[in-house]
Amino acid sequence: MKFIYKRKKINIITILLIFITLASCSTSRTYTLKQSGSDQIINGSVQKAVLMNKNKFPWFNSEYANYIPNEAILGQLKIYVPEIRVLIFAGTWCSDTQRELPRFYKIMAAIGVNEAQMELIMLDQNKKSRYFNVEVLAIENIPTFIFLKNGKEVGRIIEKPNLTLEEDILNYYKAQ
């Protein structure tokens, strides 16, 4: 199967290989961290634990603690947990990321999605990564959450959800 985004053909095997390759790199540091003004800029693939550093990323823990997901939607989402795979492109400097990423992780934790089912790739202020070619997946705005089921893209949330994160995610998986 092939997808077409902005006149670029993306082979599903390519997406899977990217996901597998990035997941296998978790034992070595696959990101850089630099200071830019008052922002800490991560570039590369990271785990949630990196963002939980209260001194470097106070916004993450604050938004994570304050967000209250819809319990009824979470209950419906739980049946899709084994199928959920997500590629996430975000930026520590981006206000949309600072709002949506902690909320997303809170939802995933609440329904029992483990980190091996997600790959987080942080981008610099130019929305580029030194470790991944974002143009392959037509990433233009962040955060971008790409939801996959059986290796096929089932939906994207770009910058902010249409309804709420949990409702949009549920709608993507219910539609399949």
N, C-alpha and C. Protein backbone atom coordinates (compact mmCIF):
# COMPACT_ATOMS: atom_id res chain seq x y z
N MET A 1 0.84 -1.18 0.00
CA MET A 1 0.00 0.00 0.00
C MET A 1 0.88 1.24 0.00
N LYS A 2 0.39 2.27 -0.62
CA LYS A 2 1.12 3.52 -0.61
C LYS A 2 0.19 4.66 -0.27
N PHE A 3 0.71 5.65 0.43
CA PHE A 3 -0.03 6.86 0.75
C PHE A 3 0.51 7.96 -0.13
N ILE A 4 -0.30 8.95 -0.41
CA ILE A 4 0.18 10.10 -1.16
C ILE A 4 -0.10 11.34 -0.32
N TYR A 5 0.94 12.05 0.06
CA TYR A 5 0.84 13.31 0.79
C TYR A 5 1.62 14.33 0.01
N LYS A 6 0.93 15.39 -0.37
CA LYS A 6 1.58 16.49 -1.07
C LYS A 6 2.45 16.00 -2.20
N ARG A 7 1.88 15.11 -3.00
CA ARG A 7 2.52 14.56 -4.18
C ARG A 7 3.77 13.72 -3.89
N LYS A 8 3.91 13.31 -2.65
CA LYS A 8 5.02 12.42 -2.30
C LYS A 8 4.44 11.07 -1.97
N LYS A 9 5.00 10.03 -2.48
CA LYS A 9 4.54 8.69 -2.16
C LYS A 9 5.31 8.18 -0.95
N ILE A 10 4.55 7.66 -0.01
CA ILE A 10 5.17 7.13 1.20
C ILE A 10 4.78 5.67 1.30
N ASN A 11 5.74 4.81 1.30
CA ASN A 11 5.49 3.39 1.40
C ASN A 11 5.31 3.02 2.86
N ILE A 12 4.30 2.24 3.16
CA ILE A 12 4.01 1.85 4.53
C ILE A 12 5.18 1.13 5.16
N ILE A 13 5.91 0.38 4.39
CA ILE A 13 7.08 -0.31 4.92
C ILE A 13 8.11 0.71 5.39
N THR A 14 8.22 1.83 4.70
CA THR A 14 9.14 2.89 5.11
C THR A 14 8.75 3.40 6.49
N ILE A 15 7.46 3.64 6.72
CA ILE A 15 7.01 4.12 8.02
C ILE A 15 7.33 3.10 9.10
N LEU A 16 7.07 1.85 8.83
CA LEU A 16 7.36 0.82 9.82
C LEU A 16 8.85 0.71 10.10
N LEU A 17 9.66 0.79 9.09
CA LEU A 17 11.11 0.72 9.29
C LEU A 17 11.60 1.90 10.12
N ILE A 18 11.03 3.07 9.88
CA ILE A 18 11.39 4.24 10.67
C ILE A 18 11.04 3.99 12.13
N PHE A 19 9.84 3.52 12.37
CA PHE A 19 9.37 3.27 13.73
C PHE A 19 10.26 2.23 14.43
N ILE A 20 10.55 1.15 13.75
CA ILE A 20 11.39 0.09 14.32
C ILE A 20 12.81 0.58 14.57
N THR A 21 13.36 1.32 13.62
CA THR A 21 14.72 1.83 13.76
C THR A 21 14.82 2.78 14.94
N LEU A 22 13.87 3.70 15.03
CA LEU A 22 13.92 4.65 16.13
C LEU A 22 13.71 3.97 17.47
N ALA A 23 12.81 3.01 17.52
CA ALA A 23 12.57 2.28 18.77
C ALA A 23 13.80 1.50 19.21
N SER A 24 14.55 0.98 18.27
CA SER A 24 15.73 0.20 18.61
C SER A 24 16.89 1.06 19.09
N CYS A 25 16.78 2.35 18.93
CA CYS A 25 17.86 3.26 19.32
C CYS A 25 17.70 3.75 20.76
N SER A 26 16.74 3.23 21.49
CA SER A 26 16.44 3.77 22.80
C SER A 26 17.56 3.59 23.82
N THR A 27 18.50 2.70 23.58
CA THR A 27 19.57 2.49 24.55
C THR A 27 20.69 3.52 24.43
N SER A 28 20.79 4.19 23.31
CA SER A 28 21.81 5.22 23.18
C SER A 28 21.14 6.57 23.05
N ARG A 29 21.86 7.60 23.35
CA ARG A 29 21.32 8.95 23.26
C ARG A 29 21.16 9.32 21.80
N THR A 30 19.94 9.60 21.41
CA THR A 30 19.65 9.94 20.02
C THR A 30 19.06 11.34 19.92
N TYR A 31 19.56 12.23 20.78
CA TYR A 31 19.09 13.60 20.73
C TYR A 31 20.17 14.54 21.24
N THR A 32 19.97 15.81 20.94
CA THR A 32 20.84 16.85 21.48
C THR A 32 19.97 17.82 22.26
N LEU A 33 20.56 18.52 23.19
CA LEU A 33 19.87 19.50 24.00
C LEU A 33 20.70 20.77 23.99
N LYS A 34 20.06 21.89 23.65
CA LYS A 34 20.78 23.16 23.68
C LYS A 34 19.89 24.25 24.23
N GLN A 35 20.52 25.25 24.78
CA GLN A 35 19.81 26.40 25.33
C GLN A 35 19.66 27.44 24.22
N SER A 36 18.44 27.99 24.09
CA SER A 36 18.18 29.07 23.14
C SER A 36 17.31 30.09 23.86
N GLY A 37 17.94 31.16 24.32
CA GLY A 37 17.22 32.11 25.16
C GLY A 37 16.81 31.43 26.45
N SER A 38 15.53 31.47 26.76
CA SER A 38 15.04 30.80 27.98
C SER A 38 14.56 29.38 27.70
N ASP A 39 14.61 28.96 26.44
CA ASP A 39 14.13 27.62 26.06
C ASP A 39 15.25 26.59 26.02
N GLN A 40 14.91 25.38 26.43
CA GLN A 40 15.76 24.21 26.26
C GLN A 40 15.24 23.52 24.99
N ILE A 41 16.07 23.42 23.97
CA ILE A 41 15.64 22.85 22.70
C ILE A 41 16.20 21.43 22.56
N ILE A 42 15.28 20.46 22.46
CA ILE A 42 15.68 19.08 22.20
C ILE A 42 15.55 18.84 20.71
N ASN A 43 16.53 18.13 20.16
CA ASN A 43 16.46 17.73 18.76
C ASN A 43 16.77 16.24 18.71
N GLY A 44 15.78 15.46 18.29
CA GLY A 44 15.98 14.02 18.17
C GLY A 44 14.91 13.23 18.88
N SER A 45 15.16 11.94 19.02
CA SER A 45 14.21 11.00 19.60
C SER A 45 14.42 10.90 21.11
N VAL A 46 13.34 11.12 21.87
CA VAL A 46 13.43 11.09 23.33
C VAL A 46 12.27 10.31 23.93
N GLN A 47 12.42 9.96 25.18
CA GLN A 47 11.36 9.34 25.96
C GLN A 47 10.72 10.41 26.84
N LYS A 48 9.53 10.13 27.31
CA LYS A 48 8.78 11.06 28.17
C LYS A 48 9.62 11.46 29.39
N ALA A 49 10.40 10.54 29.93
CA ALA A 49 11.19 10.81 31.14
C ALA A 49 12.09 12.04 30.97
N VAL A 50 12.60 12.27 29.78
CA VAL A 50 13.46 13.44 29.53
C VAL A 50 12.67 14.72 29.76
N LEU A 51 11.42 14.74 29.31
CA LEU A 51 10.58 15.93 29.43
C LEU A 51 10.08 16.16 30.85
N MET A 52 10.18 15.14 31.69
CA MET A 52 9.69 15.26 33.06
C MET A 52 10.70 15.96 33.98
N ASN A 53 11.82 16.41 33.42
CA ASN A 53 12.81 17.16 34.19
C ASN A 53 12.20 18.52 34.54
N LYS A 54 11.82 18.70 35.79
CA LYS A 54 11.11 19.91 36.23
C LYS A 54 11.93 21.18 36.04
N ASN A 55 13.23 21.07 36.12
CA ASN A 55 14.07 22.26 35.97
C ASN A 55 14.17 22.72 34.51
N LYS A 56 14.24 21.77 33.60
CA LYS A 56 14.40 22.12 32.19
C LYS A 56 13.07 22.32 31.47
N PHE A 57 12.05 21.56 31.86
CA PHE A 57 10.76 21.59 31.16
C PHE A 57 9.61 21.68 32.16
N PRO A 58 9.51 22.77 32.93
CA PRO A 58 8.47 22.88 33.95
C PRO A 58 7.06 22.81 33.37
N TRP A 59 6.90 23.22 32.15
CA TRP A 59 5.59 23.19 31.50
C TRP A 59 5.03 21.78 31.38
N PHE A 60 5.89 20.77 31.21
CA PHE A 60 5.41 19.41 30.99
C PHE A 60 4.67 18.89 32.21
N ASN A 61 5.30 18.91 33.36
CA ASN A 61 4.68 18.38 34.58
C ASN A 61 3.46 19.18 34.99
N SER A 62 3.49 20.48 34.80
CA SER A 62 2.37 21.33 35.15
C SER A 62 1.13 20.98 34.31
N GLU A 63 1.28 20.92 33.00
CA GLU A 63 0.15 20.60 32.12
C GLU A 63 -0.31 19.16 32.32
N TYR A 64 0.63 18.25 32.52
CA TYR A 64 0.29 16.84 32.75
C TYR A 64 -0.59 16.71 34.00
N ALA A 65 -0.20 17.39 35.08
CA ALA A 65 -0.95 17.32 36.33
C ALA A 65 -2.32 17.98 36.24
N ASN A 66 -2.41 19.06 35.50
CA ASN A 66 -3.65 19.83 35.45
C ASN A 66 -4.69 19.30 34.47
N TYR A 67 -4.28 18.51 33.49
CA TYR A 67 -5.24 18.05 32.49
C TYR A 67 -6.10 16.91 33.05
N ILE A 68 -7.40 17.02 32.86
CA ILE A 68 -8.33 15.99 33.30
C ILE A 68 -9.02 15.42 32.07
N PRO A 69 -8.59 14.23 31.63
CA PRO A 69 -9.21 13.62 30.45
C PRO A 69 -10.64 13.16 30.74
N ASN A 70 -11.41 13.01 29.69
CA ASN A 70 -12.79 12.54 29.78
C ASN A 70 -12.78 11.04 30.05
N GLU A 71 -13.22 10.65 31.24
CA GLU A 71 -13.18 9.25 31.67
C GLU A 71 -14.02 8.33 30.77
N ALA A 72 -15.15 8.83 30.30
CA ALA A 72 -16.01 8.00 29.43
C ALA A 72 -15.31 7.69 28.12
N ILE A 73 -14.62 8.67 27.57
CA ILE A 73 -13.87 8.47 26.32
C ILE A 73 -12.69 7.53 26.57
N LEU A 74 -12.01 7.71 27.70
CA LEU A 74 -10.89 6.82 28.04
C LEU A 74 -11.35 5.37 28.10
N GLY A 75 -12.51 5.15 28.69
CA GLY A 75 -13.04 3.79 28.77
C GLY A 75 -13.25 3.18 27.40
N GLN A 76 -13.73 3.97 26.46
CA GLN A 76 -13.94 3.48 25.10
C GLN A 76 -12.62 3.26 24.37
N LEU A 77 -11.63 4.09 24.66
CA LEU A 77 -10.31 3.99 24.01
C LEU A 77 -9.55 2.74 24.43
N LYS A 78 -9.78 2.26 25.65
CA LYS A 78 -9.01 1.14 26.18
C LYS A 78 -9.08 -0.11 25.31
N ILE A 79 -10.17 -0.33 24.60
CA ILE A 79 -10.26 -1.53 23.77
C ILE A 79 -9.32 -1.47 22.56
N TYR A 80 -8.84 -0.27 22.22
CA TYR A 80 -7.96 -0.12 21.06
C TYR A 80 -6.48 -0.11 21.43
N VAL A 81 -6.17 -0.19 22.72
CA VAL A 81 -4.77 -0.10 23.18
C VAL A 81 -3.81 -1.01 22.42
N PRO A 82 -4.13 -2.29 22.20
CA PRO A 82 -3.17 -3.14 21.49
C PRO A 82 -2.87 -2.68 20.05
N GLU A 83 -3.77 -1.94 19.46
CA GLU A 83 -3.62 -1.51 18.06
C GLU A 83 -2.92 -0.16 17.92
N ILE A 84 -2.84 0.59 18.99
CA ILE A 84 -2.34 1.97 18.91
C ILE A 84 -0.83 2.01 18.71
N ARG A 85 -0.42 2.75 17.70
CA ARG A 85 0.98 3.09 17.44
C ARG A 85 0.97 4.56 17.04
N VAL A 86 1.92 5.34 17.58
CA VAL A 86 1.91 6.77 17.32
C VAL A 86 3.32 7.29 17.06
N LEU A 87 3.45 8.06 16.00
CA LEU A 87 4.66 8.84 15.73
C LEU A 87 4.33 10.27 16.11
N ILE A 88 5.17 10.88 16.93
CA ILE A 88 4.90 12.23 17.42
C ILE A 88 6.06 13.13 17.02
N PHE A 89 5.73 14.26 16.43
CA PHE A 89 6.73 15.28 16.08
C PHE A 89 6.35 16.54 16.84
N ALA A 90 7.29 17.05 17.64
CA ALA A 90 6.98 18.17 18.51
C ALA A 90 8.21 19.04 18.72
N GLY A 91 8.04 20.13 19.45
CA GLY A 91 9.16 21.02 19.77
C GLY A 91 9.02 21.58 21.16
N THR A 92 10.06 21.50 21.96
CA THR A 92 9.99 21.98 23.34
C THR A 92 9.73 23.48 23.40
N TRP A 93 10.06 24.20 22.37
CA TRP A 93 9.92 25.65 22.30
C TRP A 93 8.51 26.08 21.87
N CYS A 94 7.69 25.14 21.41
CA CYS A 94 6.39 25.41 20.80
C CYS A 94 5.27 25.41 21.83
N SER A 95 4.48 26.48 21.88
CA SER A 95 3.39 26.57 22.87
C SER A 95 2.32 25.50 22.63
N ASP A 96 2.04 25.14 21.39
CA ASP A 96 1.07 24.08 21.12
C ASP A 96 1.57 22.74 21.67
N THR A 97 2.87 22.48 21.49
CA THR A 97 3.48 21.27 22.05
C THR A 97 3.39 21.29 23.57
N GLN A 98 3.69 22.41 24.16
CA GLN A 98 3.68 22.52 25.62
C GLN A 98 2.29 22.28 26.20
N ARG A 99 1.26 22.53 25.41
CA ARG A 99 -0.11 22.25 25.85
C ARG A 99 -0.52 20.82 25.53
N GLU A 100 -0.32 20.36 24.30
CA GLU A 100 -0.88 19.10 23.84
C GLU A 100 -0.06 17.86 24.20
N LEU A 101 1.25 17.95 24.20
CA LEU A 101 2.08 16.77 24.46
C LEU A 101 1.88 16.19 25.86
N PRO A 102 1.89 17.01 26.91
CA PRO A 102 1.64 16.43 28.24
C PRO A 102 0.23 15.83 28.35
N ARG A 103 -0.73 16.47 27.73
CA ARG A 103 -2.10 15.94 27.74
C ARG A 103 -2.15 14.59 27.02
N PHE A 104 -1.48 14.50 25.89
CA PHE A 104 -1.44 13.25 25.13
C PHE A 104 -0.84 12.13 25.99
N TYR A 105 0.30 12.41 26.63
CA TYR A 105 0.93 11.38 27.47
C TYR A 105 0.05 10.99 28.65
N LYS A 106 -0.69 11.92 29.20
CA LYS A 106 -1.59 11.58 30.31
C LYS A 106 -2.69 10.63 29.82
N ILE A 107 -3.23 10.88 28.64
CA ILE A 107 -4.24 10.01 28.06
C ILE A 107 -3.67 8.62 27.81
N MET A 108 -2.49 8.56 27.21
CA MET A 108 -1.88 7.27 26.92
C MET A 108 -1.59 6.48 28.20
N ALA A 109 -1.12 7.16 29.23
CA ALA A 109 -0.86 6.49 30.51
C ALA A 109 -2.17 5.98 31.13
N ALA A 110 -3.21 6.77 31.03
CA ALA A 110 -4.50 6.40 31.63
C ALA A 110 -5.11 5.17 30.98
N ILE A 111 -4.87 4.98 29.68
CA ILE A 111 -5.47 3.82 29.01
C ILE A 111 -4.50 2.64 28.91
N GLY A 112 -3.25 2.83 29.32
CA GLY A 112 -2.31 1.72 29.36
C GLY A 112 -1.47 1.51 28.11
N VAL A 113 -1.30 2.56 27.30
CA VAL A 113 -0.40 2.46 26.14
C VAL A 113 1.02 2.60 26.67
N ASN A 114 1.91 1.67 26.30
CA ASN A 114 3.28 1.78 26.79
C ASN A 114 4.14 2.57 25.81
N GLU A 115 5.29 3.00 26.28
CA GLU A 115 6.14 3.88 25.47
C GLU A 115 6.68 3.20 24.22
N ALA A 116 6.73 1.89 24.20
CA ALA A 116 7.20 1.18 23.00
C ALA A 116 6.23 1.34 21.84
N GLN A 117 5.02 1.76 22.13
CA GLN A 117 4.01 1.97 21.09
C GLN A 117 4.04 3.39 20.53
N MET A 118 4.94 4.22 21.07
CA MET A 118 5.02 5.62 20.66
C MET A 118 6.47 5.99 20.36
N GLU A 119 6.65 6.86 19.41
CA GLU A 119 7.98 7.38 19.12
C GLU A 119 7.88 8.90 19.08
N LEU A 120 8.63 9.58 19.95
CA LEU A 120 8.62 11.03 20.05
C LEU A 120 9.88 11.59 19.42
N ILE A 121 9.69 12.42 18.42
CA ILE A 121 10.81 13.06 17.73
C ILE A 121 10.67 14.57 17.91
N MET A 122 11.63 15.14 18.60
CA MET A 122 11.61 16.57 18.87
C MET A 122 12.35 17.32 17.77
N LEU A 123 11.79 18.44 17.37
CA LEU A 123 12.33 19.24 16.28
C LEU A 123 12.84 20.58 16.79
N ASP A 124 13.77 21.17 16.03
CA ASP A 124 14.28 22.50 16.39
C ASP A 124 13.29 23.58 15.94
N GLN A 125 13.67 24.85 16.11
CA GLN A 125 12.77 25.96 15.77
C GLN A 125 12.48 26.05 14.27
N ASN A 126 13.28 25.40 13.45
CA ASN A 126 13.03 25.35 12.00
C ASN A 126 12.21 24.14 11.61
N LYS A 127 11.73 23.41 12.62
CA LYS A 127 10.94 22.18 12.44
C LYS A 127 11.72 21.13 11.65
N LYS A 128 12.98 21.00 12.02
CA LYS A 128 13.89 20.02 11.41
C LYS A 128 14.51 19.18 12.52
N SER A 129 14.96 18.00 12.11
CA SER A 129 15.67 17.12 13.03
C SER A 129 16.98 16.70 12.38
N ARG A 130 18.02 16.65 13.17
CA ARG A 130 19.29 16.17 12.61
C ARG A 130 19.33 14.66 12.55
N TYR A 131 18.29 14.00 13.08
CA TYR A 131 18.25 12.55 13.13
C TYR A 131 17.18 11.94 12.23
N PHE A 132 16.31 12.77 11.67
CA PHE A 132 15.17 12.25 10.91
C PHE A 132 14.75 13.28 9.87
N ASN A 133 14.47 12.82 8.65
CA ASN A 133 14.00 13.71 7.59
C ASN A 133 12.49 13.86 7.71
N VAL A 134 12.03 14.95 8.28
CA VAL A 134 10.60 15.16 8.51
C VAL A 134 9.82 15.37 7.22
N GLU A 135 10.50 15.74 6.17
CA GLU A 135 9.82 15.95 4.90
C GLU A 135 9.23 14.65 4.35
N VAL A 136 9.81 13.51 4.70
CA VAL A 136 9.31 12.22 4.24
C VAL A 136 7.85 12.03 4.65
N LEU A 137 7.48 12.52 5.82
CA LEU A 137 6.11 12.38 6.30
C LEU A 137 5.32 13.68 6.22
N ALA A 138 5.82 14.65 5.47
CA ALA A 138 5.14 15.93 5.24
C ALA A 138 4.80 16.64 6.55
N ILE A 139 5.76 16.71 7.47
CA ILE A 139 5.55 17.41 8.74
C ILE A 139 5.83 18.89 8.52
N GLU A 140 4.80 19.70 8.70
CA GLU A 140 4.95 21.14 8.52
C GLU A 140 4.65 21.93 9.78
N ASN A 141 3.72 21.42 10.58
CA ASN A 141 3.33 22.09 11.82
C ASN A 141 3.44 21.10 12.97
N ILE A 142 3.68 21.67 14.16
CA ILE A 142 3.83 20.80 15.32
C ILE A 142 2.97 21.32 16.47
N PRO A 143 2.60 20.43 17.36
CA PRO A 143 2.90 19.00 17.30
C PRO A 143 2.06 18.31 16.23
N THR A 144 2.61 17.24 15.69
CA THR A 144 1.88 16.36 14.78
C THR A 144 1.93 14.96 15.38
N PHE A 145 0.74 14.41 15.61
CA PHE A 145 0.58 13.05 16.12
C PHE A 145 0.06 12.22 14.95
N ILE A 146 0.83 11.21 14.53
CA ILE A 146 0.41 10.33 13.44
C ILE A 146 0.01 9.00 14.05
N PHE A 147 -1.26 8.65 13.90
CA PHE A 147 -1.80 7.43 14.48
C PHE A 147 -1.81 6.32 13.44
N LEU A 148 -1.28 5.16 13.84
CA LEU A 148 -1.17 4.01 12.94
C LEU A 148 -1.94 2.83 13.52
N LYS A 149 -2.46 2.02 12.62
CA LYS A 149 -3.09 0.75 13.00
C LYS A 149 -2.70 -0.27 11.95
N ASN A 150 -2.10 -1.36 12.40
CA ASN A 150 -1.62 -2.39 11.47
C ASN A 150 -0.72 -1.80 10.38
N GLY A 151 0.12 -0.85 10.76
CA GLY A 151 1.06 -0.25 9.83
C GLY A 151 0.49 0.78 8.89
N LYS A 152 -0.79 1.09 9.04
CA LYS A 152 -1.45 2.05 8.16
C LYS A 152 -1.83 3.30 8.95
N GLU A 153 -1.57 4.46 8.38
CA GLU A 153 -1.96 5.69 9.03
C GLU A 153 -3.49 5.79 9.05
N VAL A 154 -4.02 6.05 10.25
CA VAL A 154 -5.47 6.18 10.39
C VAL A 154 -5.90 7.61 10.70
N GLY A 155 -4.94 8.47 11.01
CA GLY A 155 -5.28 9.87 11.28
C GLY A 155 -4.11 10.65 11.83
N ARG A 156 -4.28 11.97 11.78
CA ARG A 156 -3.28 12.89 12.32
C ARG A 156 -3.96 13.99 13.12
N ILE A 157 -3.33 14.35 14.21
CA ILE A 157 -3.70 15.57 14.92
C ILE A 157 -2.55 16.52 14.70
N ILE A 158 -2.84 17.67 14.12
CA ILE A 158 -1.81 18.65 13.82
C ILE A 158 -2.11 19.93 14.61
N GLU A 159 -1.18 20.31 15.44
CA GLU A 159 -1.20 21.47 16.32
C GLU A 159 -2.20 21.32 17.47
N LYS A 160 -3.47 21.10 17.16
CA LYS A 160 -4.48 20.92 18.21
C LYS A 160 -5.59 20.03 17.68
N PRO A 161 -6.31 19.36 18.58
CA PRO A 161 -7.36 18.45 18.13
C PRO A 161 -8.57 19.20 17.58
N ASN A 162 -9.37 18.49 16.80
CA ASN A 162 -10.64 19.06 16.33
C ASN A 162 -11.63 19.17 17.48
N LEU A 163 -11.73 18.10 18.29
CA LEU A 163 -12.62 18.08 19.45
C LEU A 163 -11.77 18.15 20.70
N THR A 164 -11.40 16.98 21.23
CA THR A 164 -10.38 16.87 22.28
C THR A 164 -9.43 15.79 21.82
N LEU A 165 -8.27 15.71 22.43
CA LEU A 165 -7.31 14.67 22.05
C LEU A 165 -7.93 13.29 22.14
N GLU A 166 -8.55 12.99 23.28
CA GLU A 166 -9.08 11.65 23.46
C GLU A 166 -10.23 11.36 22.49
N GLU A 167 -11.07 12.34 22.17
CA GLU A 167 -12.16 12.12 21.22
C GLU A 167 -11.62 11.90 19.80
N ASP A 168 -10.66 12.72 19.41
CA ASP A 168 -10.08 12.55 18.07
C ASP A 168 -9.41 11.19 17.92
N ILE A 169 -8.64 10.78 18.93
CA ILE A 169 -7.96 9.48 18.87
C ILE A 169 -9.00 8.36 18.77
N LEU A 170 -10.02 8.43 19.60
CA LEU A 170 -11.08 7.41 19.55
C LEU A 170 -11.73 7.36 18.17
N ASN A 171 -12.03 8.52 17.61
CA ASN A 171 -12.67 8.55 16.29
C ASN A 171 -11.79 7.94 15.21
N TYR A 172 -10.47 8.13 15.28
CA TYR A 172 -9.57 7.53 14.29
C TYR A 172 -9.61 6.00 14.35
N TYR A 173 -9.57 5.47 15.57
CA TYR A 173 -9.54 4.00 15.70
C TYR A 173 -10.91 3.36 15.51
N LYS A 174 -11.97 4.05 15.88
CA LYS A 174 -13.31 3.52 15.66
C LYS A 174 -13.64 3.43 14.17
N ALA A 175 -13.10 4.35 13.39
CA ALA A 175 -13.41 4.41 11.97
C ALA A 175 -12.79 3.26 11.19
N GLN A 176 -11.85 2.54 11.80
CA GLN A 176 -11.14 1.47 11.09
C GLN A 176 -11.82 0.14 11.21
